[in-house]
Amino acid sequence: MIIVSDTTPISELAKVGYLDLLPQLFGKVVIPQGVFNFPGGKSRALHPP
């Protein structure tokens, strides 16, 4: 199954250390470029410094 995610589930799961849960549950997770670039540093959850 492929899902398309917006910022809320990504940022909230990243905050609690469960970002890897989405692909485990759904297989492939598609994050639109606009969501990845969302102001507020949400993309940092995917690529920590």
N, C-alpha and C. Protein backbone atom coordinates (compact mmCIF):
# COMPACT_ATOMS: atom_id res chain seq x y z
N MET A 1 0.84 -1.17 0.00
CA MET A 1 0.00 0.00 0.00
C MET A 1 0.89 1.24 0.00
N ILE A 2 0.51 2.23 -0.75
CA ILE A 2 1.21 3.51 -0.78
C ILE A 2 0.32 4.55 -0.13
N ILE A 3 0.90 5.36 0.76
CA ILE A 3 0.15 6.47 1.34
C ILE A 3 0.85 7.77 1.00
N VAL A 4 0.09 8.84 0.98
CA VAL A 4 0.62 10.18 0.80
C VAL A 4 0.38 10.90 2.11
N SER A 5 1.42 11.48 2.68
CA SER A 5 1.31 12.08 4.01
C SER A 5 1.48 13.59 3.96
N ASP A 6 0.77 14.26 4.88
CA ASP A 6 1.00 15.69 5.06
C ASP A 6 1.91 15.88 6.27
N THR A 7 2.11 17.12 6.69
CA THR A 7 3.11 17.40 7.72
C THR A 7 2.76 16.90 9.11
N THR A 8 1.50 16.90 9.49
CA THR A 8 1.15 16.59 10.87
C THR A 8 1.60 15.20 11.32
N PRO A 9 1.24 14.12 10.61
CA PRO A 9 1.70 12.81 11.10
C PRO A 9 3.22 12.67 11.07
N ILE A 10 3.86 13.26 10.09
CA ILE A 10 5.31 13.16 9.99
C ILE A 10 5.97 13.87 11.16
N SER A 11 5.58 15.11 11.41
CA SER A 11 6.23 15.87 12.48
C SER A 11 5.91 15.30 13.86
N GLU A 12 4.68 14.86 14.08
CA GLU A 12 4.32 14.32 15.39
C GLU A 12 5.01 12.98 15.65
N LEU A 13 5.07 12.12 14.66
CA LEU A 13 5.77 10.85 14.85
C LEU A 13 7.27 11.08 15.05
N ALA A 14 7.84 12.05 14.36
CA ALA A 14 9.26 12.37 14.54
C ALA A 14 9.53 12.88 15.95
N LYS A 15 8.63 13.68 16.49
CA LYS A 15 8.81 14.22 17.85
C LYS A 15 8.92 13.13 18.89
N VAL A 16 8.18 12.06 18.71
CA VAL A 16 8.18 10.97 19.71
C VAL A 16 9.07 9.80 19.30
N GLY A 17 9.83 9.96 18.21
CA GLY A 17 10.79 8.94 17.80
C GLY A 17 10.21 7.76 17.06
N TYR A 18 9.04 7.93 16.44
CA TYR A 18 8.40 6.83 15.73
C TYR A 18 8.18 7.11 14.24
N LEU A 19 9.06 7.89 13.65
CA LEU A 19 8.91 8.21 12.24
C LEU A 19 8.98 6.96 11.36
N ASP A 20 9.72 5.97 11.80
CA ASP A 20 9.84 4.73 11.03
C ASP A 20 8.57 3.88 11.05
N LEU A 21 7.59 4.27 11.84
CA LEU A 21 6.34 3.52 11.94
C LEU A 21 5.52 3.56 10.65
N LEU A 22 5.51 4.70 9.95
CA LEU A 22 4.70 4.82 8.73
C LEU A 22 5.08 3.79 7.67
N PRO A 23 6.35 3.67 7.28
CA PRO A 23 6.67 2.66 6.27
C PRO A 23 6.49 1.23 6.78
N GLN A 24 6.62 1.01 8.08
CA GLN A 24 6.39 -0.33 8.62
C GLN A 24 4.92 -0.72 8.49
N LEU A 25 4.03 0.25 8.67
CA LEU A 25 2.60 -0.03 8.58
C LEU A 25 2.07 -0.04 7.15
N PHE A 26 2.60 0.86 6.32
CA PHE A 26 2.00 1.06 5.00
C PHE A 26 2.90 0.71 3.83
N GLY A 27 4.15 0.39 4.07
CA GLY A 27 5.05 0.08 2.96
C GLY A 27 5.71 1.34 2.44
N LYS A 28 5.14 1.93 1.44
CA LYS A 28 5.74 3.11 0.82
C LYS A 28 4.98 4.36 1.25
N VAL A 29 5.73 5.36 1.69
CA VAL A 29 5.15 6.64 2.11
C VAL A 29 5.64 7.71 1.14
N VAL A 30 4.72 8.41 0.52
CA VAL A 30 5.05 9.48 -0.41
C VAL A 30 4.84 10.81 0.30
N ILE A 31 5.88 11.63 0.31
CA ILE A 31 5.80 12.94 0.93
C ILE A 31 5.96 13.98 -0.18
N PRO A 32 4.90 14.71 -0.49
CA PRO A 32 4.98 15.71 -1.55
C PRO A 32 6.06 16.76 -1.24
N GLN A 33 6.69 17.28 -2.28
CA GLN A 33 7.77 18.25 -2.10
C GLN A 33 7.32 19.45 -1.27
N GLY A 34 6.11 19.92 -1.46
CA GLY A 34 5.60 21.05 -0.68
C GLY A 34 5.53 20.74 0.80
N VAL A 35 5.20 19.51 1.14
CA VAL A 35 5.17 19.08 2.54
C VAL A 35 6.59 18.99 3.08
N PHE A 36 7.48 18.42 2.29
CA PHE A 36 8.88 18.29 2.70
C PHE A 36 9.50 19.65 2.98
N ASN A 37 9.15 20.65 2.17
CA ASN A 37 9.71 22.00 2.31
C ASN A 37 8.89 22.90 3.21
N PHE A 38 7.88 22.37 3.88
CA PHE A 38 6.97 23.17 4.69
C PHE A 38 7.73 24.02 5.70
N PRO A 39 7.38 25.31 5.81
CA PRO A 39 8.06 26.18 6.78
C PRO A 39 7.95 25.62 8.19
N GLY A 40 9.00 25.79 8.95
CA GLY A 40 9.00 25.29 10.31
C GLY A 40 9.94 24.11 10.51
N GLY A 41 10.66 23.76 9.46
CA GLY A 41 11.68 22.73 9.60
C GLY A 41 11.17 21.32 9.66
N LYS A 42 10.00 21.04 9.11
CA LYS A 42 9.46 19.68 9.17
C LYS A 42 10.38 18.70 8.44
N SER A 43 11.05 19.17 7.39
CA SER A 43 11.93 18.25 6.66
C SER A 43 13.12 17.81 7.50
N ARG A 44 13.44 18.55 8.56
CA ARG A 44 14.53 18.14 9.44
C ARG A 44 14.23 16.81 10.12
N ALA A 45 12.96 16.49 10.28
CA ALA A 45 12.60 15.20 10.87
C ALA A 45 13.07 14.05 9.99
N LEU A 46 13.11 14.29 8.69
CA LEU A 46 13.52 13.25 7.76
C LEU A 46 15.03 13.21 7.57
N HIS A 47 15.68 14.35 7.71
CA HIS A 47 17.13 14.46 7.54
C HIS A 47 17.69 15.28 8.69
N PRO A 48 17.90 14.68 9.86
CA PRO A 48 18.42 15.43 11.00
C PRO A 48 19.79 16.00 10.71
N PRO A 49 20.14 17.11 11.35
CA PRO A 49 21.46 17.73 11.13
C PRO A 49 22.59 16.84 11.58
